[in-house]
Every structure is written in C-alpha cells, then in structure tokens.
mmCIF file of all heavy atoms, coordinates in Angstrom:
data_MODEL
# 
_entry.id   MODEL 
# 
loop_
_atom_site.group_PDB 
_atom_site.id 
_atom_site.type_symbol 
_atom_site.label_atom_id 
_atom_site.label_alt_id 
_atom_site.label_comp_id 
_atom_site.label_asym_id 
_atom_site.label_entity_id 
_atom_site.label_seq_id 
_atom_site.pdbx_PDB_ins_code 
_atom_site.Cartn_x 
_atom_site.Cartn_y 
_atom_site.Cartn_z 
_atom_site.occupancy 
_atom_site.B_iso_or_equiv 
_atom_site.pdbx_formal_charge 
_atom_site.auth_seq_id 
_atom_site.auth_comp_id 
_atom_site.auth_asym_id 
_atom_site.auth_atom_id 
_atom_site.pdbx_PDB_model_num 
ATOM 1   N N   . VAL A 1 1  ? -6.667  -12.527 9.136  1.00 0.00 ? 1  VAL A N   1 
ATOM 2   C CA  . VAL A 1 1  ? -7.434  -12.113 7.864  1.00 0.00 ? 1  VAL A CA  1 
ATOM 3   C C   . VAL A 1 1  ? -7.880  -10.690 8.019  1.00 0.00 ? 1  VAL A C   1 
ATOM 4   O O   . VAL A 1 1  ? -7.796  -9.893  7.021  1.00 0.00 ? 1  VAL A O   1 
ATOM 5   C CB  . VAL A 1 1  ? -8.632  -13.062 7.665  1.00 0.00 ? 1  VAL A CB  1 
ATOM 6   C CG1 . VAL A 1 1  ? -9.406  -12.605 6.445  1.00 0.00 ? 1  VAL A CG1 1 
ATOM 7   C CG2 . VAL A 1 1  ? -8.107  -14.521 7.382  1.00 0.00 ? 1  VAL A CG2 1 
ATOM 8   N N   . ARG A 1 2  ? -8.334  -10.252 9.201  1.00 0.00 ? 2  ARG A N   1 
ATOM 9   C CA  . ARG A 1 2  ? -8.685  -8.840  9.368  1.00 0.00 ? 2  ARG A CA  1 
ATOM 10  C C   . ARG A 1 2  ? -7.610  -7.916  9.134  1.00 0.00 ? 2  ARG A C   1 
ATOM 11  O O   . ARG A 1 2  ? -7.731  -6.854  8.460  1.00 0.00 ? 2  ARG A O   1 
ATOM 12  C CB  . ARG A 1 2  ? -9.324  -8.610  10.788 1.00 0.00 ? 2  ARG A CB  1 
ATOM 13  C CG  . ARG A 1 2  ? -10.650 -9.287  11.030 1.00 0.00 ? 2  ARG A CG  1 
ATOM 14  C CD  . ARG A 1 2  ? -11.332 -8.658  12.272 1.00 0.00 ? 2  ARG A CD  1 
ATOM 15  N NE  . ARG A 1 2  ? -10.586 -8.954  13.509 1.00 0.00 ? 2  ARG A NE  1 
ATOM 16  C CZ  . ARG A 1 2  ? -10.734 -10.099 14.098 1.00 0.00 ? 2  ARG A CZ  1 
ATOM 17  N NH1 . ARG A 1 2  ? -11.606 -11.015 13.738 1.00 0.00 ? 2  ARG A NH1 1 
ATOM 18  N NH2 . ARG A 1 2  ? -10.009 -10.350 15.297 1.00 0.00 ? 2  ARG A NH2 1 
ATOM 19  N N   . ARG A 1 3  ? -6.489  -8.248  9.685  1.00 0.00 ? 3  ARG A N   1 
ATOM 20  C CA  . ARG A 1 3  ? -5.207  -7.435  9.554  1.00 0.00 ? 3  ARG A CA  1 
ATOM 21  C C   . ARG A 1 3  ? -4.818  -7.431  8.022  1.00 0.00 ? 3  ARG A C   1 
ATOM 22  O O   . ARG A 1 3  ? -4.416  -6.368  7.488  1.00 0.00 ? 3  ARG A O   1 
ATOM 23  C CB  . ARG A 1 3  ? -4.120  -7.989  10.394 1.00 0.00 ? 3  ARG A CB  1 
ATOM 24  C CG  . ARG A 1 3  ? -2.745  -7.141  10.206 1.00 0.00 ? 3  ARG A CG  1 
ATOM 25  C CD  . ARG A 1 3  ? -2.961  -5.745  10.550 1.00 0.00 ? 3  ARG A CD  1 
ATOM 26  N NE  . ARG A 1 3  ? -1.596  -5.096  10.402 1.00 0.00 ? 3  ARG A NE  1 
ATOM 27  C CZ  . ARG A 1 3  ? -1.527  -3.781  10.203 1.00 0.00 ? 3  ARG A CZ  1 
ATOM 28  N NH1 . ARG A 1 3  ? -2.579  -3.038  10.149 1.00 0.00 ? 3  ARG A NH1 1 
ATOM 29  N NH2 . ARG A 1 3  ? -0.351  -3.205  10.089 1.00 0.00 ? 3  ARG A NH2 1 
ATOM 30  N N   . LEU A 1 4  ? -4.864  -8.530  7.430  1.00 0.00 ? 4  LEU A N   1 
ATOM 31  C CA  . LEU A 1 4  ? -4.509  -8.642  5.957  1.00 0.00 ? 4  LEU A CA  1 
ATOM 32  C C   . LEU A 1 4  ? -5.417  -7.654  5.125  1.00 0.00 ? 4  LEU A C   1 
ATOM 33  O O   . LEU A 1 4  ? -4.947  -6.960  4.317  1.00 0.00 ? 4  LEU A O   1 
ATOM 34  C CB  . LEU A 1 4  ? -4.693  -10.056 5.516  1.00 0.00 ? 4  LEU A CB  1 
ATOM 35  C CG  . LEU A 1 4  ? -4.113  -10.480 4.205  1.00 0.00 ? 4  LEU A CG  1 
ATOM 36  C CD1 . LEU A 1 4  ? -2.635  -10.263 4.173  1.00 0.00 ? 4  LEU A CD1 1 
ATOM 37  C CD2 . LEU A 1 4  ? -4.400  -11.997 3.923  1.00 0.00 ? 4  LEU A CD2 1 
ATOM 38  N N   . GLU A 1 5  ? -6.685  -7.683  5.425  1.00 0.00 ? 5  GLU A N   1 
ATOM 39  C CA  . GLU A 1 5  ? -7.594  -6.775  4.722  1.00 0.00 ? 5  GLU A CA  1 
ATOM 40  C C   . GLU A 1 5  ? -7.345  -5.305  5.013  1.00 0.00 ? 5  GLU A C   1 
ATOM 41  O O   . GLU A 1 5  ? -7.440  -4.475  4.139  1.00 0.00 ? 5  GLU A O   1 
ATOM 42  C CB  . GLU A 1 5  ? -9.054  -7.125  5.003  1.00 0.00 ? 5  GLU A CB  1 
ATOM 43  C CG  . GLU A 1 5  ? -9.447  -8.497  4.426  1.00 0.00 ? 5  GLU A CG  1 
ATOM 44  C CD  . GLU A 1 5  ? -10.779 -9.065  4.962  1.00 0.00 ? 5  GLU A CD  1 
ATOM 45  O OE1 . GLU A 1 5  ? -11.354 -8.401  5.955  1.00 0.00 ? 5  GLU A OE1 1 
ATOM 46  O OE2 . GLU A 1 5  ? -11.292 -10.122 4.435  1.00 0.00 ? 5  GLU A OE2 1 
ATOM 47  N N   . GLN A 1 6  ? -6.972  -5.033  6.265  1.00 0.00 ? 6  GLN A N   1 
ATOM 48  C CA  . GLN A 1 6  ? -6.601  -3.620  6.635  1.00 0.00 ? 6  GLN A CA  1 
ATOM 49  C C   . GLN A 1 6  ? -5.344  -3.233  5.774  1.00 0.00 ? 6  GLN A C   1 
ATOM 50  O O   . GLN A 1 6  ? -5.324  -2.011  5.281  1.00 0.00 ? 6  GLN A O   1 
ATOM 51  C CB  . GLN A 1 6  ? -6.207  -3.573  8.106  1.00 0.00 ? 6  GLN A CB  1 
ATOM 52  C CG  . GLN A 1 6  ? -7.458  -3.704  9.007  1.00 0.00 ? 6  GLN A CG  1 
ATOM 53  C CD  . GLN A 1 6  ? -6.996  -3.724  10.432 1.00 0.00 ? 6  GLN A CD  1 
ATOM 54  O OE1 . GLN A 1 6  ? -5.807  -3.755  10.885 1.00 0.00 ? 6  GLN A OE1 1 
ATOM 55  N NE2 . GLN A 1 6  ? -8.006  -3.839  11.373 1.00 0.00 ? 6  GLN A NE2 1 
ATOM 56  N N   . LEU A 1 7  ? -4.376  -4.141  5.608  1.00 0.00 ? 7  LEU A N   1 
ATOM 57  C CA  . LEU A 1 7  ? -3.203  -3.794  4.830  1.00 0.00 ? 7  LEU A CA  1 
ATOM 58  C C   . LEU A 1 7  ? -3.543  -3.620  3.301  1.00 0.00 ? 7  LEU A C   1 
ATOM 59  O O   . LEU A 1 7  ? -3.028  -2.652  2.627  1.00 0.00 ? 7  LEU A O   1 
ATOM 60  C CB  . LEU A 1 7  ? -2.218  -4.899  4.968  1.00 0.00 ? 7  LEU A CB  1 
ATOM 61  C CG  . LEU A 1 7  ? -1.601  -5.110  6.366  1.00 0.00 ? 7  LEU A CG  1 
ATOM 62  C CD1 . LEU A 1 7  ? -0.504  -6.197  6.220  1.00 0.00 ? 7  LEU A CD1 1 
ATOM 63  C CD2 . LEU A 1 7  ? -0.953  -3.799  6.794  1.00 0.00 ? 7  LEU A CD2 1 
ATOM 64  N N   . PHE A 1 8  ? -4.492  -4.432  2.812  1.00 0.00 ? 8  PHE A N   1 
ATOM 65  C CA  . PHE A 1 8  ? -4.944  -4.250  1.452  1.00 0.00 ? 8  PHE A CA  1 
ATOM 66  C C   . PHE A 1 8  ? -5.545  -2.812  1.267  1.00 0.00 ? 8  PHE A C   1 
ATOM 67  O O   . PHE A 1 8  ? -5.293  -2.076  0.270  1.00 0.00 ? 8  PHE A O   1 
ATOM 68  C CB  . PHE A 1 8  ? -5.914  -5.332  1.018  1.00 0.00 ? 8  PHE A CB  1 
ATOM 69  C CG  . PHE A 1 8  ? -5.298  -6.689  0.867  1.00 0.00 ? 8  PHE A CG  1 
ATOM 70  C CD1 . PHE A 1 8  ? -6.123  -7.806  1.036  1.00 0.00 ? 8  PHE A CD1 1 
ATOM 71  C CD2 . PHE A 1 8  ? -4.060  -6.793  0.552  1.00 0.00 ? 8  PHE A CD2 1 
ATOM 72  C CE1 . PHE A 1 8  ? -5.562  -9.100  0.877  1.00 0.00 ? 8  PHE A CE1 1 
ATOM 73  C CE2 . PHE A 1 8  ? -3.466  -8.109  0.370  1.00 0.00 ? 8  PHE A CE2 1 
ATOM 74  C CZ  . PHE A 1 8  ? -4.315  -9.232  0.506  1.00 0.00 ? 8  PHE A CZ  1 
ATOM 75  N N   . TRP A 1 9  ? -6.334  -2.458  2.134  1.00 0.00 ? 9  TRP A N   1 
ATOM 76  C CA  . TRP A 1 9  ? -6.984  -1.153  2.124  1.00 0.00 ? 9  TRP A CA  1 
ATOM 77  C C   . TRP A 1 9  ? -6.000  -0.019  2.321  1.00 0.00 ? 9  TRP A C   1 
ATOM 78  O O   . TRP A 1 9  ? -6.114  1.104   1.733  1.00 0.00 ? 9  TRP A O   1 
ATOM 79  C CB  . TRP A 1 9  ? -8.144  -1.017  3.095  1.00 0.00 ? 9  TRP A CB  1 
ATOM 80  C CG  . TRP A 1 9  ? -9.427  -1.577  2.577  1.00 0.00 ? 9  TRP A CG  1 
ATOM 81  C CD1 . TRP A 1 9  ? -10.009 -2.783  2.959  1.00 0.00 ? 9  TRP A CD1 1 
ATOM 82  C CD2 . TRP A 1 9  ? -10.219 -1.037  1.591  1.00 0.00 ? 9  TRP A CD2 1 
ATOM 83  N NE1 . TRP A 1 9  ? -11.132 -2.977  2.259  1.00 0.00 ? 9  TRP A NE1 1 
ATOM 84  C CE2 . TRP A 1 9  ? -11.361 -1.961  1.412  1.00 0.00 ? 9  TRP A CE2 1 
ATOM 85  C CE3 . TRP A 1 9  ? -10.205 0.145   0.806  1.00 0.00 ? 9  TRP A CE3 1 
ATOM 86  C CZ2 . TRP A 1 9  ? -12.390 -1.685  0.448  1.00 0.00 ? 9  TRP A CZ2 1 
ATOM 87  C CZ3 . TRP A 1 9  ? -11.266 0.364   -0.086 1.00 0.00 ? 9  TRP A CZ3 1 
ATOM 88  C CH2 . TRP A 1 9  ? -12.277 -0.579  -0.326 1.00 0.00 ? 9  TRP A CH2 1 
ATOM 89  N N   . GLN A 1 10 ? -4.965  -0.265  3.151  1.00 0.00 ? 10 GLN A N   1 
ATOM 90  C CA  . GLN A 1 10 ? -3.910  0.775   3.318  1.00 0.00 ? 10 GLN A CA  1 
ATOM 91  C C   . GLN A 1 10 ? -3.171  0.911   1.989  1.00 0.00 ? 10 GLN A C   1 
ATOM 92  O O   . GLN A 1 10 ? -2.837  2.033   1.604  1.00 0.00 ? 10 GLN A O   1 
ATOM 93  C CB  . GLN A 1 10 ? -2.902  0.232   4.415  1.00 0.00 ? 10 GLN A CB  1 
ATOM 94  C CG  . GLN A 1 10 ? -1.737  1.233   4.565  1.00 0.00 ? 10 GLN A CG  1 
ATOM 95  C CD  . GLN A 1 10 ? -0.707  0.691   5.576  1.00 0.00 ? 10 GLN A CD  1 
ATOM 96  O OE1 . GLN A 1 10 ? -1.029  0.015   6.496  1.00 0.00 ? 10 GLN A OE1 1 
ATOM 97  N NE2 . GLN A 1 10 ? 0.566   1.069   5.389  1.00 0.00 ? 10 GLN A NE2 1 
ATOM 98  N N   . MET A 1 11 ? -2.848  -0.198  1.373  1.00 0.00 ? 11 MET A N   1 
ATOM 99  C CA  . MET A 1 11 ? -2.164  -0.119  0.031  1.00 0.00 ? 11 MET A CA  1 
ATOM 100 C C   . MET A 1 11 ? -2.987  0.721   -0.931 1.00 0.00 ? 11 MET A C   1 
ATOM 101 O O   . MET A 1 11 ? -2.482  1.552   -1.712 1.00 0.00 ? 11 MET A O   1 
ATOM 102 C CB  . MET A 1 11 ? -1.912  -1.504  -0.494 1.00 0.00 ? 11 MET A CB  1 
ATOM 103 C CG  . MET A 1 11 ? -0.928  -2.334  0.355  1.00 0.00 ? 11 MET A CG  1 
ATOM 104 S SD  . MET A 1 11 ? -0.881  -4.037  -0.374 1.00 0.00 ? 11 MET A SD  1 
ATOM 105 C CE  . MET A 1 11 ? -0.215  -4.917  1.049  1.00 0.00 ? 11 MET A CE  1 
ATOM 106 N N   . GLN A 1 12 ? -4.298  0.420   -0.991 1.00 0.00 ? 12 GLN A N   1 
ATOM 107 C CA  . GLN A 1 12 ? -5.207  1.094   -1.918 1.00 0.00 ? 12 GLN A CA  1 
ATOM 108 C C   . GLN A 1 12 ? -5.221  2.566   -1.598 1.00 0.00 ? 12 GLN A C   1 
ATOM 109 O O   . GLN A 1 12 ? -5.143  3.367   -2.544 1.00 0.00 ? 12 GLN A O   1 
ATOM 110 C CB  . GLN A 1 12 ? -6.632  0.475   -1.711 1.00 0.00 ? 12 GLN A CB  1 
ATOM 111 C CG  . GLN A 1 12 ? -7.713  1.126   -2.568 1.00 0.00 ? 12 GLN A CG  1 
ATOM 112 C CD  . GLN A 1 12 ? -7.588  0.930   -4.070 1.00 0.00 ? 12 GLN A CD  1 
ATOM 113 O OE1 . GLN A 1 12 ? -6.823  0.056   -4.450 1.00 0.00 ? 12 GLN A OE1 1 
ATOM 114 N NE2 . GLN A 1 12 ? -8.314  1.712   -4.855 1.00 0.00 ? 12 GLN A NE2 1 
ATOM 115 N N   . GLY A 1 13 ? -5.302  2.941   -0.377 1.00 0.00 ? 13 GLY A N   1 
ATOM 116 C CA  . GLY A 1 13 ? -5.259  4.345   0.055  1.00 0.00 ? 13 GLY A CA  1 
ATOM 117 C C   . GLY A 1 13 ? -4.043  5.056   -0.407 1.00 0.00 ? 13 GLY A C   1 
ATOM 118 O O   . GLY A 1 13 ? -4.062  6.114   -0.952 1.00 0.00 ? 13 GLY A O   1 
ATOM 119 N N   . GLU A 1 14 ? -2.846  4.362   -0.157 1.00 0.00 ? 14 GLU A N   1 
ATOM 120 C CA  . GLU A 1 14 ? -1.605  4.951   -0.616 1.00 0.00 ? 14 GLU A CA  1 
ATOM 121 C C   . GLU A 1 14 ? -1.578  5.072   -2.143 1.00 0.00 ? 14 GLU A C   1 
ATOM 122 O O   . GLU A 1 14 ? -1.094  6.110   -2.637 1.00 0.00 ? 14 GLU A O   1 
ATOM 123 C CB  . GLU A 1 14 ? -0.456  4.068   -0.117 1.00 0.00 ? 14 GLU A CB  1 
ATOM 124 C CG  . GLU A 1 14 ? -0.284  4.146   1.387  1.00 0.00 ? 14 GLU A CG  1 
ATOM 125 C CD  . GLU A 1 14 ? 0.766   3.332   1.940  1.00 0.00 ? 14 GLU A CD  1 
ATOM 126 O OE1 . GLU A 1 14 ? 1.394   2.548   1.087  1.00 0.00 ? 14 GLU A OE1 1 
ATOM 127 O OE2 . GLU A 1 14 ? 1.055   3.300   3.168  1.00 0.00 ? 14 GLU A OE2 1 
ATOM 128 N N   . CYS A 1 15 ? -2.124  4.117   -2.877 1.00 0.00 ? 15 CYS A N   1 
ATOM 129 C CA  . CYS A 1 15 ? -2.113  4.175   -4.306 1.00 0.00 ? 15 CYS A CA  1 
ATOM 130 C C   . CYS A 1 15 ? -3.024  5.347   -4.735 1.00 0.00 ? 15 CYS A C   1 
ATOM 131 O O   . CYS A 1 15 ? -2.626  6.089   -5.682 1.00 0.00 ? 15 CYS A O   1 
ATOM 132 C CB  . CYS A 1 15 ? -2.653  2.873   -4.817 1.00 0.00 ? 15 CYS A CB  1 
ATOM 133 S SG  . CYS A 1 15 ? -2.473  2.722   -6.659 1.00 0.00 ? 15 CYS A SG  1 
ATOM 134 N N   . GLU A 1 16 ? -4.199  5.511   -4.195 1.00 0.00 ? 16 GLU A N   1 
ATOM 135 C CA  . GLU A 1 16 ? -5.041  6.572   -4.572 1.00 0.00 ? 16 GLU A CA  1 
ATOM 136 C C   . GLU A 1 16 ? -4.457  7.948   -4.304 1.00 0.00 ? 16 GLU A C   1 
ATOM 137 O O   . GLU A 1 16 ? -4.722  8.903   -5.017 1.00 0.00 ? 16 GLU A O   1 
ATOM 138 C CB  . GLU A 1 16 ? -6.419  6.455   -3.809 1.00 0.00 ? 16 GLU A CB  1 
ATOM 139 C CG  . GLU A 1 16 ? -7.261  5.233   -4.220 1.00 0.00 ? 16 GLU A CG  1 
ATOM 140 C CD  . GLU A 1 16 ? -8.516  5.105   -3.389 1.00 0.00 ? 16 GLU A CD  1 
ATOM 141 O OE1 . GLU A 1 16 ? -8.783  6.014   -2.631 1.00 0.00 ? 16 GLU A OE1 1 
ATOM 142 O OE2 . GLU A 1 16 ? -9.204  4.084   -3.516 1.00 0.00 ? 16 GLU A OE2 1 
ATOM 143 N N   . ARG A 1 17 ? -3.562  8.074   -3.310 1.00 0.00 ? 17 ARG A N   1 
ATOM 144 C CA  . ARG A 1 17 ? -2.985  9.362   -2.999 1.00 0.00 ? 17 ARG A CA  1 
ATOM 145 C C   . ARG A 1 17 ? -1.640  9.503   -3.740 1.00 0.00 ? 17 ARG A C   1 
ATOM 146 O O   . ARG A 1 17 ? -0.928  10.519  -3.485 1.00 0.00 ? 17 ARG A O   1 
ATOM 147 C CB  . ARG A 1 17 ? -2.704  9.415   -1.457 1.00 0.00 ? 17 ARG A CB  1 
ATOM 148 C CG  . ARG A 1 17 ? -3.964  9.429   -0.624 1.00 0.00 ? 17 ARG A CG  1 
ATOM 149 C CD  . ARG A 1 17 ? -3.659  9.772   0.782  1.00 0.00 ? 17 ARG A CD  1 
ATOM 150 N NE  . ARG A 1 17 ? -2.748  8.824   1.413  1.00 0.00 ? 17 ARG A NE  1 
ATOM 151 C CZ  . ARG A 1 17 ? -3.135  7.701   2.065  1.00 0.00 ? 17 ARG A CZ  1 
ATOM 152 N NH1 . ARG A 1 17 ? -4.471  7.406   2.041  1.00 0.00 ? 17 ARG A NH1 1 
ATOM 153 N NH2 . ARG A 1 17 ? -2.255  6.916   2.615  1.00 0.00 ? 17 ARG A NH2 1 
ATOM 154 N N   . GLY A 1 18 ? -1.255  8.564   -4.608 1.00 0.00 ? 18 GLY A N   1 
ATOM 155 C CA  . GLY A 1 18 ? -0.028  8.654   -5.305 1.00 0.00 ? 18 GLY A CA  1 
ATOM 156 C C   . GLY A 1 18 ? 1.184   8.355   -4.404 1.00 0.00 ? 18 GLY A C   1 
ATOM 157 O O   . GLY A 1 18 ? 2.280   8.756   -4.720 1.00 0.00 ? 18 GLY A O   1 
ATOM 158 N N   . GLU A 1 19 ? 0.967   7.533   -3.347 1.00 0.00 ? 19 GLU A N   1 
ATOM 159 C CA  . GLU A 1 19 ? 2.054   7.241   -2.438 1.00 0.00 ? 19 GLU A CA  1 
ATOM 160 C C   . GLU A 1 19 ? 2.573   5.806   -2.497 1.00 0.00 ? 19 GLU A C   1 
ATOM 161 O O   . GLU A 1 19 ? 3.210   5.348   -1.624 1.00 0.00 ? 19 GLU A O   1 
ATOM 162 C CB  . GLU A 1 19 ? 1.556   7.517   -1.037 1.00 0.00 ? 19 GLU A CB  1 
ATOM 163 C CG  . GLU A 1 19 ? 1.233   8.967   -0.777 1.00 0.00 ? 19 GLU A CG  1 
ATOM 164 C CD  . GLU A 1 19 ? 0.481   9.235   0.552  1.00 0.00 ? 19 GLU A CD  1 
ATOM 165 O OE1 . GLU A 1 19 ? 0.349   8.192   1.315  1.00 0.00 ? 19 GLU A OE1 1 
ATOM 166 O OE2 . GLU A 1 19 ? 0.138   10.352  0.860  1.00 0.00 ? 19 GLU A OE2 1 
ATOM 167 N N   . THR A 1 20 ? 2.215   5.103   -3.546 1.00 0.00 ? 20 THR A N   1 
ATOM 168 C CA  . THR A 1 20 ? 2.673   3.715   -3.704 1.00 0.00 ? 20 THR A CA  1 
ATOM 169 C C   . THR A 1 20 ? 4.183   3.736   -3.730 1.00 0.00 ? 20 THR A C   1 
ATOM 170 O O   . THR A 1 20 ? 4.737   4.543   -4.494 1.00 0.00 ? 20 THR A O   1 
ATOM 171 C CB  . THR A 1 20 ? 2.164   3.095   -4.983 1.00 0.00 ? 20 THR A CB  1 
ATOM 172 O OG1 . THR A 1 20 ? 0.690   3.109   -4.943 1.00 0.00 ? 20 THR A OG1 1 
ATOM 173 C CG2 . THR A 1 20 ? 2.573   1.619   -5.157 1.00 0.00 ? 20 THR A CG2 1 
ATOM 174 N N   . PRO A 1 21 ? 4.824   2.910   -2.936 1.00 0.00 ? 21 PRO A N   1 
ATOM 175 C CA  . PRO A 1 21 ? 6.321   2.932   -2.869 1.00 0.00 ? 21 PRO A CA  1 
ATOM 176 C C   . PRO A 1 21 ? 6.918   2.442   -4.160 1.00 0.00 ? 21 PRO A C   1 
ATOM 177 O O   . PRO A 1 21 ? 6.346   1.634   -4.891 1.00 0.00 ? 21 PRO A O   1 
ATOM 178 C CB  . PRO A 1 21 ? 6.595   1.996   -1.727 1.00 0.00 ? 21 PRO A CB  1 
ATOM 179 C CG  . PRO A 1 21 ? 5.420   1.123   -1.557 1.00 0.00 ? 21 PRO A CG  1 
ATOM 180 C CD  . PRO A 1 21 ? 4.300   1.918   -1.900 1.00 0.00 ? 21 PRO A CD  1 
ATOM 181 N N   . VAL A 1 22 ? 8.085   2.997   -4.439 1.00 0.00 ? 22 VAL A N   1 
ATOM 182 C CA  . VAL A 1 22 ? 8.888   2.551   -5.563 1.00 0.00 ? 22 VAL A CA  1 
ATOM 183 C C   . VAL A 1 22 ? 10.074  1.730   -5.017 1.00 0.00 ? 22 VAL A C   1 
ATOM 184 O O   . VAL A 1 22 ? 10.837  2.199   -4.168 1.00 0.00 ? 22 VAL A O   1 
ATOM 185 C CB  . VAL A 1 22 ? 9.461   3.838   -6.372 1.00 0.00 ? 22 VAL A CB  1 
ATOM 186 C CG1 . VAL A 1 22 ? 10.344  3.330   -7.548 1.00 0.00 ? 22 VAL A CG1 1 
ATOM 187 C CG2 . VAL A 1 22 ? 8.287   4.653   -6.891 1.00 0.00 ? 22 VAL A CG2 1 
ATOM 188 N N   . PRO A 1 23 ? 10.204  0.475   -5.511 1.00 0.00 ? 23 PRO A N   1 
ATOM 189 C CA  . PRO A 1 23 ? 11.285  -0.372  -5.000 1.00 0.00 ? 23 PRO A CA  1 
ATOM 190 C C   . PRO A 1 23 ? 12.671  0.256   -5.198 1.00 0.00 ? 23 PRO A C   1 
ATOM 191 O O   . PRO A 1 23 ? 12.931  0.837   -6.261 1.00 0.00 ? 23 PRO A O   1 
ATOM 192 C CB  . PRO A 1 23 ? 11.119  -1.610  -5.867 1.00 0.00 ? 23 PRO A CB  1 
ATOM 193 C CG  . PRO A 1 23 ? 9.740   -1.685  -6.312 1.00 0.00 ? 23 PRO A CG  1 
ATOM 194 C CD  . PRO A 1 23 ? 9.360   -0.215  -6.436 1.00 0.00 ? 23 PRO A CD  1 
ATOM 195 N N   . ASP A 1 24 ? 13.462  0.248   -4.213 1.00 0.00 ? 24 ASP A N   1 
ATOM 196 C CA  . ASP A 1 24 ? 14.807  0.792   -4.284 1.00 0.00 ? 24 ASP A CA  1 
ATOM 197 C C   . ASP A 1 24 ? 15.781  -0.235  -4.635 1.00 0.00 ? 24 ASP A C   1 
ATOM 198 O O   . ASP A 1 24 ? 16.083  -1.214  -3.914 1.00 0.00 ? 24 ASP A O   1 
ATOM 199 C CB  . ASP A 1 24 ? 15.200  1.403   -2.908 1.00 0.00 ? 24 ASP A CB  1 
ATOM 200 C CG  . ASP A 1 24 ? 16.538  2.180   -3.053 1.00 0.00 ? 24 ASP A CG  1 
ATOM 201 O OD1 . ASP A 1 24 ? 17.270  1.990   -3.945 1.00 0.00 ? 24 ASP A OD1 1 
ATOM 202 O OD2 . ASP A 1 24 ? 16.806  3.004   -2.004 1.00 0.00 ? 24 ASP A OD2 1 
ATOM 203 N N   . LEU A 1 25 ? 16.366  -0.179  -5.851 1.00 0.00 ? 25 LEU A N   1 
ATOM 204 C CA  . LEU A 1 25 ? 17.257  -1.143  -6.341 1.00 0.00 ? 25 LEU A CA  1 
ATOM 205 C C   . LEU A 1 25 ? 18.671  -0.629  -6.530 1.00 0.00 ? 25 LEU A C   1 
ATOM 206 O O   . LEU A 1 25 ? 19.543  -1.187  -7.244 1.00 0.00 ? 25 LEU A O   1 
ATOM 207 C CB  . LEU A 1 25 ? 16.712  -1.758  -7.747 1.00 0.00 ? 25 LEU A CB  1 
ATOM 208 C CG  . LEU A 1 25 ? 15.249  -2.126  -7.730 1.00 0.00 ? 25 LEU A CG  1 
ATOM 209 C CD1 . LEU A 1 25 ? 14.857  -2.567  -9.069 1.00 0.00 ? 25 LEU A CD1 1 
ATOM 210 C CD2 . LEU A 1 25 ? 15.123  -3.370  -6.810 1.00 0.00 ? 25 LEU A CD2 1 
ATOM 211 N N   . GLN A 1 26 ? 18.908  0.438   -5.866 1.00 0.00 ? 26 GLN A N   1 
ATOM 212 C CA  . GLN A 1 26 ? 20.189  1.097   -5.996 1.00 0.00 ? 26 GLN A CA  1 
ATOM 213 C C   . GLN A 1 26 ? 21.419  0.307   -5.558 1.00 0.00 ? 26 GLN A C   1 
ATOM 214 O O   . GLN A 1 26 ? 21.323  -0.378  -4.462 1.00 0.00 ? 26 GLN A O   1 
ATOM 215 C CB  . GLN A 1 26 ? 20.186  2.455   -5.152 1.00 0.00 ? 26 GLN A CB  1 
ATOM 216 C CG  . GLN A 1 26 ? 21.394  3.299   -5.288 1.00 0.00 ? 26 GLN A CG  1 
ATOM 217 C CD  . GLN A 1 26 ? 21.391  4.095   -6.600 1.00 0.00 ? 26 GLN A CD  1 
ATOM 218 O OE1 . GLN A 1 26 ? 20.430  4.591   -7.022 1.00 0.00 ? 26 GLN A OE1 1 
ATOM 219 N NE2 . GLN A 1 26 ? 22.558  4.075   -7.302 1.00 0.00 ? 26 GLN A NE2 1 
# 
C-alpha cells in the first residue's frame, strides 16, 4: 500500500509537470 501511494503521487507529479505519458498505439 505504501508503494501504491508513492506511485499515485509520482503520477500526480508527472501530471502537474505536463509529463503524463501518451499511450503509443502505433
């Protein structure tokens, strides 16, 4: 659970910085 929450906050940080990944469907 601690790791899961770390990942949620990592995603949030990436989103705030405009770094949310874009799925590659090529």
